[in-house]
Amino acid sequence: MKNRLVVTCLTVFLALFATALPAKDDNPMDYQWTIAVDGKSVSAGQIVFKLTSAPNEDGTTDDPVELENLVPAKTKQGDIQKTLLNNVRAALGDERYKIKKQGSDRVSIKANKGTPWFLLELTNNTVQGVAVTLKK
């Protein structure tokens, strides 16, 4: 009887505790994002991202960073990846983020130790023939 009561109380506690915690996917921010590009540009255009940092330990926040990437017509997927890699590195630097090439179609942005989590959003893609996806 006493064991059954303990098990019941423990089960109720765990159920309540588990529902109080947000799932990782509910948080739009993460410490690492991957940009994937697919296709060859049919037209010239731009691919624009916005990076928004979580508040720092002292509660201050940094302004969001716009990452604009101009892509000429008839640019191959690997060259678009290089454009994104170079432009993201130039805009963010390497003090707070590790930015690297992954394969022939992806760019990884990872927050260095001590850098707050961040949200990466694709705000515009006017390059016809190129699909851009973001993944945490």
Foldseek 3Di string as FASTA:
>chain_A
DVVVVVVVVVVVVVVVVVVVDDDPVVDQWDQKKKKFKDFFFQAKDKWKKWKFFDAAPVRHGDDIFIQIFTDHHGHGQLVSQVRSQVSVCVRPPPPFWDWDDDDRTMIMIGGDPRGGTMHMGTPDDPGPGMDMDMDD
